[in-house]
Amino acid sequence: MKKYSIILLLFLTSCSFETPTKFSEKALNENLISIQNETVLFKEIIEKYQGKKVLINVWASWCADCIKGLPELKKIQKSYPSVIFLNISVDENSLGWRKGIERFQILGEHYNLPKGMKNGDLVDFLNLRWIPRYIIVDEKGSISLFKATKITDERILATIKTN
């Protein structure tokens, strides 16, 4: 009986996790590096695209699963040109990040989290333990899809298609 109670408690606890719809202030104040090598706050990037749907692709040049998903990501980009594709790299090596963009011909906006995927307020907010990670932000700046780890996740297209 005790065993079943523990299992039930774990199940109920896991079900009570709420998916955030807004980024935390700490996450919004995280510094990223632009492709032009300028430091920019994450909130400035999100505010820049207010009024547009944004698909955030958290990736790295060394991540095999990230690279494997790029052909499908490119198909989605072609099918939905009004969506902003925001690529955030967790490469700790700026040269690797830049070479990865060029080598794999990754389209969209590009920023780098210089602390990588183990440190930082944005990483903590996302509970980033695996990449790739896809997040969709709606036209009002709210998170409409918090966590998808495969570009083929059907929730991605469903969320992009919703108004």
Foldseek 3Di string as FASTA:
>chain_A
DVVVVVVVVVVVVVVPDDFFFAADPFQQQAWKAFPVRDTDGNVVVLVVQQQAKEKEWEEELPDPQSLVQQVVVVVVCVVCVRYAYEYEYLDLDPVRRVVSCVVSVHDGTYIYRNNGLPDGDNNVRLVDDDDGWIWMAHNRRTTPRRTDHHSPPPVVVVVSPDD
